Amino acid sequence: MDRGQTMTTLFTNRSSFHTWRKSIPEHRTVGFVPTMGALHAGHVSLIEQAKAECDVVVVSIYVNALQFNSETDFTRYPRTEETDFHICTLANVDAVFAPLKSDVFPEDVVELLTPSKNAQGYEGADRPGHFAGVVTVVDRLFNLVQPSVAYFGLKDYQQVAVINDMASQLHPNIVISPCITMRENDGLAMSSRNRFLTPSGRKSATALPSALGKAVSSWNTGVTQSKELIDQVIADLSKEPSIDIQYISVVRNGSMEPVQAISENDVIIAAIVVDGVRLIDNMSFTNA
């Protein structure tokens, strides 16, 4: 079978996946896209990058209860397994790993990993325990899949920073590949959460990427102080009364360290709530 042609196999338990994984020759690179399902074009872009760079591609689908802050949010999270597998098939994924909780966490009491300092503040402050749950499950999945490269979307900027820290400590042989944020036609960053927005909420939410893009444009015209650009974004978002601003900040590229004077590749990050739906986004300061 030629590279790029594949039949997608679904594995729903640890044992069968392990048998398949052992059959992959050591010299072949394995690209891994960990997901919680509810796949969209943003996930497909990660898969496509993995396929372009690796010999074999694995997508995991596992809704991780440990990273939710409430039972309601966990229950509400969309579960679209059949559609997800179909998307993976169309994308020519080699293996879809959809384990049970007992496959990932066989013990009765799970000992959570402690995330790095990059987990402090922002999403970490607003969602206590979230990143401990994230790094714990990603660590388990890395042990099960044993990938060469793992692909994560930069929409979840802080998550990428925290996972990168964890991997450098516990999985130094795995390359973490951050991938650009995919956006809808209206500019909204692709997210499984977008489906919960009302039509009016969706329209209001587009103010976020618009305001962030305007901030990057202002930086390109010579505005370098983060406070000035943050105030500009707040003013723009405040024009939409349905938007509840959670935070706006500028951080050093690859970290959560706040900066005052913005350099190229620093990142403006933001979180808002619209229609009771929490949305996050970020943009990098790059020369136009």
C-alpha atoms as a PDB file:
ATOM      1  CA  MET A   1       0.000   0.000   0.000  1.00  0.00           C
ATOM      2  CA  ASP A   2       1.397   3.406  -0.964  1.00  0.00           C
ATOM      3  CA  ARG A   3       2.044   6.125   1.577  1.00  0.00           C
ATOM      4  CA  GLY A   4      -1.076   8.285   1.834  1.00  0.00           C
ATOM      5  CA  GLN A   5      -3.431   5.349   1.229  1.00  0.00           C
ATOM      6  CA  THR A   6      -4.877   3.655   4.274  1.00  0.00           C
ATOM      7  CA  MET A   7      -7.811   1.851   5.798  1.00  0.00           C
ATOM      8  CA  THR A   8      -8.943   3.332   9.083  1.00  0.00           C
ATOM      9  CA  THR A   9      -9.207   0.860  11.964  1.00  0.00           C
ATOM     10  CA  LEU A  10     -11.239   1.582  15.090  1.00  0.00           C
ATOM     11  CA  PHE A  11      -9.856   0.288  18.385  1.00  0.00           C
ATOM     12  CA  THR A  12     -12.157   0.459  21.397  1.00  0.00           C
ATOM     13  CA  ASN A  13      -9.971  -1.251  23.961  1.00  0.00           C
ATOM     14  CA  ARG A  14      -6.413  -1.022  25.167  1.00  0.00           C
ATOM     15  CA  SER A  15      -5.470  -4.628  24.395  1.00  0.00           C
ATOM     16  CA  SER A  16      -6.344  -4.625  20.692  1.00  0.00           C
ATOM     17  CA  PHE A  17      -4.737  -1.229  20.186  1.00  0.00           C
ATOM     18  CA  HIS A  18      -1.569  -2.369  21.948  1.00  0.00           C
ATOM     19  CA  THR A  19      -1.318  -5.385  19.645  1.00  0.00           C
ATOM     20  CA  TRP A  20      -1.683  -3.146  16.595  1.00  0.00           C
ATOM     21  CA  ARG A  21       0.807  -0.595  17.938  1.00  0.00           C
ATOM     22  CA  LYS A  22       3.447  -3.273  18.484  1.00  0.00           C
ATOM     23  CA  SER A  23       3.112  -4.242  14.810  1.00  0.00           C
ATOM     24  CA  ILE A  24       4.388  -0.829  13.664  1.00  0.00           C
ATOM     25  CA  PRO A  25       8.108  -1.078  12.806  1.00  0.00           C
ATOM     26  CA  GLU A  26      10.308   1.085  15.029  1.00  0.00           C
ATOM     27  CA  HIS A  27      11.706   3.078  12.109  1.00  0.00           C
ATOM     28  CA  ARG A  28       8.225   4.348  11.160  1.00  0.00           C
ATOM     29  CA  THR A  29       7.125   7.672  12.643  1.00  0.00           C
ATOM     30  CA  VAL A  30       3.768   7.818  14.418  1.00  0.00           C
ATOM     31  CA  GLY A  31       1.813  11.068  14.426  1.00  0.00           C
ATOM     32  CA  PHE A  32      -0.773  11.462  17.177  1.00  0.00           C
ATOM     33  CA  VAL A  33      -3.791  13.769  17.359  1.00  0.00           C
ATOM     34  CA  PRO A  34      -5.452  13.485  20.798  1.00  0.00           C
ATOM     35  CA  THR A  35      -9.073  14.691  20.828  1.00  0.00           C
ATOM     36  CA  MET A  36     -12.258  14.554  22.864  1.00  0.00           C
ATOM     37  CA  GLY A  37     -14.281  13.938  19.723  1.00  0.00           C
ATOM     38  CA  ALA A  38     -16.855  16.362  18.287  1.00  0.00           C
ATOM     39  CA  LEU A  39     -14.392  16.670  15.431  1.00  0.00           C
ATOM     40  CA  HIS A  40     -14.404  19.657  13.088  1.00  0.00           C
ATOM     41  CA  ALA A  41     -12.212  21.110  10.356  1.00  0.00           C
ATOM     42  CA  GLY A  42      -9.704  22.290  12.943  1.00  0.00           C
ATOM     43  CA  HIS A  43      -9.045  18.707  13.964  1.00  0.00           C
ATOM     44  CA  VAL A  44      -8.835  17.682  10.322  1.00  0.00           C
ATOM     45  CA  SER A  45      -6.102  20.276   9.786  1.00  0.00           C
ATOM     46  CA  LEU A  46      -4.093  18.622  12.596  1.00  0.00           C
ATOM     47  CA  ILE A  47      -4.623  15.230  10.983  1.00  0.00           C
ATOM     48  CA  GLU A  48      -3.510  16.551   7.613  1.00  0.00           C
ATOM     49  CA  GLN A  49      -0.321  17.978   9.087  1.00  0.00           C
ATOM     50  CA  ALA A  50       0.357  14.684  10.846  1.00  0.00           C
ATOM     51  CA  LYS A  51      -0.175  12.752   7.610  1.00  0.00           C
ATOM     52  CA  ALA A  52       2.182  15.082   5.754  1.00  0.00           C
ATOM     53  CA  GLU A  53       4.948  14.572   8.302  1.00  0.00           C
ATOM     54  CA  CYS A  54       4.542  11.033   9.678  1.00  0.00           C
ATOM     55  CA  ASP A  55       4.273   7.476   8.360  1.00  0.00           C
ATOM     56  CA  VAL A  56       1.335   6.462  10.556  1.00  0.00           C
ATOM     57  CA  VAL A  57      -1.401   8.633  12.099  1.00  0.00           C
ATOM     58  CA  VAL A  58      -3.409   7.840  15.238  1.00  0.00           C
ATOM     59  CA  VAL A  59      -6.384   9.874  16.463  1.00  0.00           C
ATOM     60  CA  SER A  60      -7.689   9.282  19.977  1.00  0.00           C
ATOM     61  CA  ILE A  61     -11.252  10.048  21.033  1.00  0.00           C
ATOM     62  CA  TYR A  62     -11.688  10.198  24.778  1.00  0.00           C
ATOM     63  CA  VAL A  63     -13.858  12.616  26.750  1.00  0.00           C
ATOM     64  CA  ASN A  64     -11.735  13.230  29.832  1.00  0.00           C
ATOM     65  CA  ALA A  65     -13.854  13.836  32.913  1.00  0.00           C
ATOM     66  CA  LEU A  66     -10.799  15.007  34.878  1.00  0.00           C
ATOM     67  CA  GLN A  67     -10.519  18.279  32.970  1.00  0.00           C
ATOM     68  CA  PHE A  68     -14.121  19.417  33.447  1.00  0.00           C
ATOM     69  CA  ASN A  69     -15.021  21.705  36.304  1.00  0.00           C
ATOM     70  CA  SER A  70     -18.566  20.425  36.662  1.00  0.00           C
ATOM     71  CA  GLU A  71     -20.518  17.242  36.024  1.00  0.00           C
ATOM     72  CA  THR A  72     -22.939  19.313  33.940  1.00  0.00           C
ATOM     73  CA  ASP A  73     -20.213  20.428  31.535  1.00  0.00           C
ATOM     74  CA  PHE A  74     -18.933  16.853  31.235  1.00  0.00           C
ATOM     75  CA  THR A  75     -22.414  15.509  30.507  1.00  0.00           C
ATOM     76  CA  ARG A  76     -23.153  18.335  28.074  1.00  0.00           C
ATOM     77  CA  TYR A  77     -20.021  17.789  26.020  1.00  0.00           C
ATOM     78  CA  PRO A  78     -21.083  16.568  22.553  1.00  0.00           C
ATOM     79  CA  ARG A  79     -20.463  12.917  21.790  1.00  0.00           C
ATOM     80  CA  THR A  80     -20.544  12.189  18.059  1.00  0.00           C
ATOM     81  CA  GLU A  81     -18.584   8.958  17.756  1.00  0.00           C
ATOM     82  CA  GLU A  82     -20.001   7.729  14.444  1.00  0.00           C
ATOM     83  CA  THR A  83     -19.510  11.081  12.747  1.00  0.00           C
ATOM     84  CA  ASP A  84     -16.027  11.385  14.234  1.00  0.00           C
ATOM     85  CA  PHE A  85     -14.985   7.993  12.878  1.00  0.00           C
ATOM     86  CA  HIS A  86     -16.391   8.890   9.465  1.00  0.00           C
ATOM     87  CA  ILE A  87     -14.348  12.115   9.464  1.00  0.00           C
ATOM     88  CA  CYS A  88     -11.226  10.146  10.371  1.00  0.00           C
ATOM     89  CA  THR A  89     -11.952   7.660   7.590  1.00  0.00           C
ATOM     90  CA  LEU A  90     -12.283  10.434   5.029  1.00  0.00           C
ATOM     91  CA  ALA A  91      -8.998  11.889   6.294  1.00  0.00           C
ATOM     92  CA  ASN A  92      -7.266   8.505   5.854  1.00  0.00           C
ATOM     93  CA  VAL A  93      -6.307   8.142   9.501  1.00  0.00           C
ATOM     94  CA  ASP A  94      -4.626   4.795  10.170  1.00  0.00           C
ATOM     95  CA  ALA A  95      -6.088   4.136  13.610  1.00  0.00           C
ATOM     96  CA  VAL A  96      -8.786   5.659  15.787  1.00  0.00           C
ATOM     97  CA  PHE A  97      -8.301   4.813  19.448  1.00  0.00           C
ATOM     98  CA  ALA A  98     -11.501   5.268  21.475  1.00  0.00           C
ATOM     99  CA  PRO A  99     -10.668   3.684  24.830  1.00  0.00           C
ATOM    100  CA  LEU A 100     -12.893   3.160  27.829  1.00  0.00           C
ATOM    101  CA  LYS A 101     -12.123   4.969  31.064  1.00  0.00           C
ATOM    102  CA  SER A 102     -10.832   1.663  32.483  1.00  0.00           C
ATOM    103  CA  ASP A 103      -8.297   1.480  29.642  1.00  0.00           C
ATOM    104  CA  VAL A 104      -6.873   4.912  30.417  1.00  0.00           C
ATOM    105  CA  PHE A 105      -7.338   4.937  34.193  1.00  0.00           C
ATOM    106  CA  PRO A 106      -7.562   1.342  35.441  1.00  0.00           C
ATOM    107  CA  GLU A 107      -6.987   2.364  39.069  1.00  0.00           C
ATOM    108  CA  ASP A 108      -9.845   3.326  41.404  1.00  0.00           C
ATOM    109  CA  VAL A 109      -8.229   6.582  42.520  1.00  0.00           C
ATOM    110  CA  VAL A 110      -6.323   8.579  39.908  1.00  0.00           C
ATOM    111  CA  GLU A 111      -3.278  10.491  41.119  1.00  0.00           C
ATOM    112  CA  LEU A 112      -3.236  13.732  39.173  1.00  0.00           C
ATOM    113  CA  LEU A 113      -0.014  15.144  37.791  1.00  0.00           C
ATOM    114  CA  THR A 114       0.963  18.638  38.877  1.00  0.00           C
ATOM    115  CA  PRO A 115       1.109  20.945  35.848  1.00  0.00           C
ATOM    116  CA  SER A 116       3.866  23.514  35.340  1.00  0.00           C
ATOM    117  CA  LYS A 117       3.700  27.152  36.380  1.00  0.00           C
ATOM    118  CA  ASN A 118       2.340  27.951  32.920  1.00  0.00           C
ATOM    119  CA  ALA A 119      -0.950  26.477  34.181  1.00  0.00           C
ATOM    120  CA  GLN A 120      -1.299  29.324  36.685  1.00  0.00           C
ATOM    121  CA  GLY A 121      -3.627  32.192  35.870  1.00  0.00           C
ATOM    122  CA  TYR A 122      -5.996  32.683  32.937  1.00  0.00           C
ATOM    123  CA  GLU A 123      -7.706  29.351  32.152  1.00  0.00           C
ATOM    124  CA  GLY A 124      -5.960  27.819  35.138  1.00  0.00           C
ATOM    125  CA  ALA A 125      -7.446  30.420  37.476  1.00  0.00           C
ATOM    126  CA  ASP A 126     -10.919  30.358  35.962  1.00  0.00           C
ATOM    127  CA  ARG A 127     -11.071  26.559  35.713  1.00  0.00           C
ATOM    128  CA  PRO A 128      -9.362  25.164  38.845  1.00  0.00           C
ATOM    129  CA  GLY A 129      -7.916  21.702  38.319  1.00  0.00           C
ATOM    130  CA  HIS A 130      -8.436  21.812  34.567  1.00  0.00           C
ATOM    131  CA  PHE A 131      -4.791  21.585  33.553  1.00  0.00           C
ATOM    132  CA  ALA A 132      -4.024  18.883  36.106  1.00  0.00           C
ATOM    133  CA  GLY A 133      -6.690  16.825  34.354  1.00  0.00           C
ATOM    134  CA  VAL A 134      -5.303  17.699  30.925  1.00  0.00           C
ATOM    135  CA  VAL A 135      -1.683  16.750  31.595  1.00  0.00           C
ATOM    136  CA  THR A 136      -2.733  13.598  33.439  1.00  0.00           C
ATOM    137  CA  VAL A 137      -4.756  12.244  30.522  1.00  0.00           C
ATOM    138  CA  VAL A 138      -2.249  13.335  27.876  1.00  0.00           C
ATOM    139  CA  ASP A 139       0.510  11.592  29.829  1.00  0.00           C
ATOM    140  CA  ARG A 140      -1.565   8.387  29.891  1.00  0.00           C
ATOM    141  CA  LEU A 141      -2.362   8.630  26.179  1.00  0.00           C
ATOM    142  CA  PHE A 142       1.300   9.239  25.346  1.00  0.00           C
ATOM    143  CA  ASN A 143       2.199   6.066  27.249  1.00  0.00           C
ATOM    144  CA  LEU A 144      -0.449   4.085  25.360  1.00  0.00           C
ATOM    145  CA  VAL A 145       0.113   5.480  21.846  1.00  0.00           C
ATOM    146  CA  GLN A 146       3.887   6.048  22.036  1.00  0.00           C
ATOM    147  CA  PRO A 147       3.894   8.660  19.278  1.00  0.00           C
ATOM    148  CA  SER A 148       6.869  10.255  17.564  1.00  0.00           C
ATOM    149  CA  VAL A 149       5.045  13.588  17.185  1.00  0.00           C
ATOM    150  CA  ALA A 150       1.872  14.882  18.875  1.00  0.00           C
ATOM    151  CA  TYR A 151      -0.215  17.638  17.286  1.00  0.00           C
ATOM    152  CA  PHE A 152      -2.156  20.298  19.205  1.00  0.00           C
ATOM    153  CA  GLY A 153      -4.093  23.335  18.010  1.00  0.00           C
ATOM    154  CA  LEU A 154      -2.824  26.735  19.088  1.00  0.00           C
ATOM    155  CA  LYS A 155      -6.358  27.964  19.772  1.00  0.00           C
ATOM    156  CA  ASP A 156      -5.775  26.391  23.182  1.00  0.00           C
ATOM    157  CA  TYR A 157      -2.565  28.381  23.590  1.00  0.00           C
ATOM    158  CA  GLN A 158      -2.127  27.899  27.343  1.00  0.00           C
ATOM    159  CA  GLN A 159      -2.880  24.193  27.027  1.00  0.00           C
ATOM    160  CA  VAL A 160      -0.118  23.807  24.437  1.00  0.00           C
ATOM    161  CA  ALA A 161       2.355  25.574  26.738  1.00  0.00           C
ATOM    162  CA  VAL A 162       1.417  23.346  29.694  1.00  0.00           C
ATOM    163  CA  ILE A 163       1.521  20.122  27.659  1.00  0.00           C
ATOM    164  CA  ASN A 164       4.870  21.118  26.183  1.00  0.00           C
ATOM    165  CA  ASP A 165       6.262  21.521  29.710  1.00  0.00           C
ATOM    166  CA  MET A 166       4.887  18.135  30.782  1.00  0.00           C
ATOM    167  CA  ALA A 167       6.240  16.384  27.684  1.00  0.00           C
ATOM    168  CA  SER A 168       9.709  17.878  28.101  1.00  0.00           C
ATOM    169  CA  GLN A 169       9.844  16.353  31.593  1.00  0.00           C
ATOM    170  CA  LEU A 170       8.102  13.004  31.139  1.00  0.00           C
ATOM    171  CA  HIS A 171       8.238  12.315  27.389  1.00  0.00           C
ATOM    172  CA  PRO A 172      11.365  14.020  26.004  1.00  0.00           C
ATOM    173  CA  ASN A 173      11.363  11.772  22.932  1.00  0.00           C
ATOM    174  CA  ILE A 174       7.954  13.032  21.780  1.00  0.00           C
ATOM    175  CA  VAL A 175       7.942  16.167  19.625  1.00  0.00           C
ATOM    176  CA  ILE A 176       5.076  18.560  20.429  1.00  0.00           C
ATOM    177  CA  SER A 177       3.877  20.229  17.226  1.00  0.00           C
ATOM    178  CA  PRO A 178       1.682  23.338  17.732  1.00  0.00           C
ATOM    179  CA  CYS A 179      -0.617  23.963  14.748  1.00  0.00           C
ATOM    180  CA  ILE A 180      -2.234  27.201  13.594  1.00  0.00           C
ATOM    181  CA  THR A 181      -5.783  28.039  14.638  1.00  0.00           C
ATOM    182  CA  MET A 182      -8.401  27.230  12.021  1.00  0.00           C
ATOM    183  CA  ARG A 183     -11.239  29.725  11.715  1.00  0.00           C
ATOM    184  CA  GLU A 184     -14.808  29.773  10.471  1.00  0.00           C
ATOM    185  CA  ASN A 185     -15.742  32.046   7.564  1.00  0.00           C
ATOM    186  CA  ASP A 186     -16.820  34.717  10.070  1.00  0.00           C
ATOM    187  CA  GLY A 187     -13.417  34.603  11.790  1.00  0.00           C
ATOM    188  CA  LEU A 188     -14.491  32.683  14.884  1.00  0.00           C
ATOM    189  CA  ALA A 189     -11.912  30.127  16.000  1.00  0.00           C
ATOM    190  CA  MET A 190     -13.202  26.612  15.342  1.00  0.00           C
ATOM    191  CA  SER A 191     -14.391  24.944  18.535  1.00  0.00           C
ATOM    192  CA  SER A 192     -16.859  22.275  19.592  1.00  0.00           C
ATOM    193  CA  ARG A 193     -18.342  24.953  21.860  1.00  0.00           C
ATOM    194  CA  ASN A 194     -19.473  27.101  18.916  1.00  0.00           C
ATOM    195  CA  ARG A 195     -22.483  24.839  18.347  1.00  0.00           C
ATOM    196  CA  PHE A 196     -23.967  26.027  21.645  1.00  0.00           C
ATOM    197  CA  LEU A 197     -24.155  29.677  20.536  1.00  0.00           C
ATOM    198  CA  THR A 198     -27.466  31.210  19.485  1.00  0.00           C
ATOM    199  CA  PRO A 199     -27.462  33.017  16.104  1.00  0.00           C
ATOM    200  CA  SER A 200     -27.284  36.385  17.870  1.00  0.00           C
ATOM    201  CA  GLY A 201     -24.597  35.114  20.239  1.00  0.00           C
ATOM    202  CA  ARG A 202     -22.601  33.816  17.311  1.00  0.00           C
ATOM    203  CA  LYS A 203     -22.741  37.237  15.675  1.00  0.00           C
ATOM    204  CA  SER A 204     -21.628  38.929  18.898  1.00  0.00           C
ATOM    205  CA  ALA A 205     -18.786  36.427  19.381  1.00  0.00           C
ATOM    206  CA  THR A 206     -17.159  37.431  16.096  1.00  0.00           C
ATOM    207  CA  ALA A 207     -16.196  40.682  17.826  1.00  0.00           C
ATOM    208  CA  LEU A 208     -13.436  38.708  19.570  1.00  0.00           C
ATOM    209  CA  PRO A 209     -11.313  37.728  16.541  1.00  0.00           C
ATOM    210  CA  SER A 210     -12.056  41.124  15.034  1.00  0.00           C
ATOM    211  CA  ALA A 211     -10.759  42.956  18.120  1.00  0.00           C
ATOM    212  CA  LEU A 212      -7.663  40.745  18.364  1.00  0.00           C
ATOM    213  CA  GLY A 213      -6.896  41.240  14.672  1.00  0.00           C
ATOM    214  CA  LYS A 214      -7.252  44.994  15.098  1.00  0.00           C
ATOM    215  CA  ALA A 215      -4.756  44.870  17.987  1.00  0.00           C
ATOM    216  CA  VAL A 216      -2.215  43.063  15.796  1.00  0.00           C
ATOM    217  CA  SER A 217      -2.759  45.689  13.091  1.00  0.00           C
ATOM    218  CA  SER A 218      -2.168  48.459  15.627  1.00  0.00           C
ATOM    219  CA  TRP A 219       1.083  46.804  16.671  1.00  0.00           C
ATOM    220  CA  ASN A 220       2.126  46.760  13.033  1.00  0.00           C
ATOM    221  CA  THR A 221       1.603  50.521  12.890  1.00  0.00           C
ATOM    222  CA  GLY A 222       3.878  51.122  15.880  1.00  0.00           C
ATOM    223  CA  VAL A 223       1.822  50.615  19.060  1.00  0.00           C
ATOM    224  CA  THR A 224       4.081  48.429  21.206  1.00  0.00           C
ATOM    225  CA  GLN A 225       2.745  48.794  24.763  1.00  0.00           C
ATOM    226  CA  SER A 226       0.540  45.907  25.782  1.00  0.00           C
ATOM    227  CA  LYS A 227      -1.659  48.009  28.080  1.00  0.00           C
ATOM    228  CA  GLU A 228      -2.652  50.278  25.217  1.00  0.00           C
ATOM    229  CA  LEU A 229      -3.611  47.356  22.996  1.00  0.00           C
ATOM    230  CA  ILE A 230      -5.422  45.525  25.809  1.00  0.00           C
ATOM    231  CA  ASP A 231      -7.458  48.666  26.518  1.00  0.00           C
ATOM    232  CA  GLN A 232      -8.249  48.881  22.802  1.00  0.00           C
ATOM    233  CA  VAL A 233      -9.518  45.281  22.736  1.00  0.00           C
ATOM    234  CA  ILE A 234     -11.613  45.840  25.873  1.00  0.00           C
ATOM    235  CA  ALA A 235     -13.155  48.954  24.315  1.00  0.00           C
ATOM    236  CA  ASP A 236     -13.994  47.077  21.121  1.00  0.00           C
ATOM    237  CA  LEU A 237     -15.540  44.115  22.954  1.00  0.00           C
ATOM    238  CA  SER A 238     -17.502  46.376  25.278  1.00  0.00           C
ATOM    239  CA  LYS A 239     -19.519  47.551  22.274  1.00  0.00           C
ATOM    240  CA  GLU A 240     -21.232  44.143  22.406  1.00  0.00           C
ATOM    241  CA  PRO A 241     -23.325  44.112  25.608  1.00  0.00           C
ATOM    242  CA  SER A 242     -23.788  40.322  25.467  1.00  0.00           C
ATOM    243  CA  ILE A 243     -20.028  39.748  25.840  1.00  0.00           C
ATOM    244  CA  ASP A 244     -18.655  39.125  29.318  1.00  0.00           C
ATOM    245  CA  ILE A 245     -14.868  39.606  29.210  1.00  0.00           C
ATOM    246  CA  GLN A 246     -12.944  37.080  31.324  1.00  0.00           C
ATOM    247  CA  TYR A 247      -9.408  38.237  30.574  1.00  0.00           C
ATOM    248  CA  ILE A 248      -7.231  39.907  27.950  1.00  0.00           C
ATOM    249  CA  SER A 249      -3.441  39.697  28.179  1.00  0.00           C
ATOM    250  CA  VAL A 250      -0.251  39.726  26.123  1.00  0.00           C
ATOM    251  CA  VAL A 251       2.252  36.977  26.890  1.00  0.00           C
ATOM    252  CA  ARG A 252       5.716  35.996  25.732  1.00  0.00           C
ATOM    253  CA  ASN A 253       5.730  33.535  22.861  1.00  0.00           C
ATOM    254  CA  GLY A 254       5.656  29.939  24.136  1.00  0.00           C
ATOM    255  CA  SER A 255       4.932  30.891  27.741  1.00  0.00           C
ATOM    256  CA  MET A 256       2.321  32.574  29.926  1.00  0.00           C
ATOM    257  CA  GLU A 257       4.711  35.346  31.018  1.00  0.00           C
ATOM    258  CA  PRO A 258       3.008  38.757  30.650  1.00  0.00           C
ATOM    259  CA  VAL A 259       4.884  41.368  28.650  1.00  0.00           C
ATOM    260  CA  GLN A 260       4.703  45.147  28.611  1.00  0.00           C
ATOM    261  CA  ALA A 261       6.641  45.973  25.444  1.00  0.00           C
ATOM    262  CA  ILE A 262       5.477  43.654  22.663  1.00  0.00           C
ATOM    263  CA  SER A 263       7.990  41.887  20.418  1.00  0.00           C
ATOM    264  CA  GLU A 264       7.314  39.883  17.278  1.00  0.00           C
ATOM    265  CA  ASN A 265       5.698  36.485  17.968  1.00  0.00           C
ATOM    266  CA  ASP A 266       4.364  37.529  21.370  1.00  0.00           C
ATOM    267  CA  VAL A 267       0.719  36.506  21.747  1.00  0.00           C
ATOM    268  CA  ILE A 268      -2.458  38.312  22.769  1.00  0.00           C
ATOM    269  CA  ILE A 269      -4.794  35.897  24.550  1.00  0.00           C
ATOM    270  CA  ALA A 270      -8.427  36.350  25.517  1.00  0.00           C
ATOM    271  CA  ALA A 271     -11.461  34.635  26.989  1.00  0.00           C
ATOM    272  CA  ILE A 272     -15.068  35.782  26.847  1.00  0.00           C
ATOM    273  CA  VAL A 273     -18.470  34.360  27.719  1.00  0.00           C
ATOM    274  CA  VAL A 274     -21.380  34.715  25.290  1.00  0.00           C
ATOM    275  CA  ASP A 275     -24.749  32.979  25.757  1.00  0.00           C
ATOM    276  CA  GLY A 276     -23.225  31.224  28.751  1.00  0.00           C
ATOM    277  CA  VAL A 277     -20.583  29.727  26.425  1.00  0.00           C
ATOM    278  CA  ARG A 278     -16.928  30.301  27.262  1.00  0.00           C
ATOM    279  CA  LEU A 279     -14.791  31.064  24.199  1.00  0.00           C
ATOM    280  CA  ILE A 280     -11.032  31.494  24.044  1.00  0.00           C
ATOM    281  CA  ASP A 281      -8.858  32.853  21.268  1.00  0.00           C
ATOM    282  CA  ASN A 282      -5.412  34.281  20.642  1.00  0.00           C
ATOM    283  CA  MET A 283      -3.337  35.864  17.913  1.00  0.00           C
ATOM    284  CA  SER A 284       0.374  36.220  17.408  1.00  0.00           C
ATOM    285  CA  PHE A 285       1.989  39.589  16.737  1.00  0.00           C
ATOM    286  CA  THR A 286       3.551  39.042  13.340  1.00  0.00           C
ATOM    287  CA  ASN A 287       4.613  41.558  10.738  1.00  0.00           C
ATOM    288  CA  ALA A 288       1.945  42.057   8.080  1.00  0.00           C
END
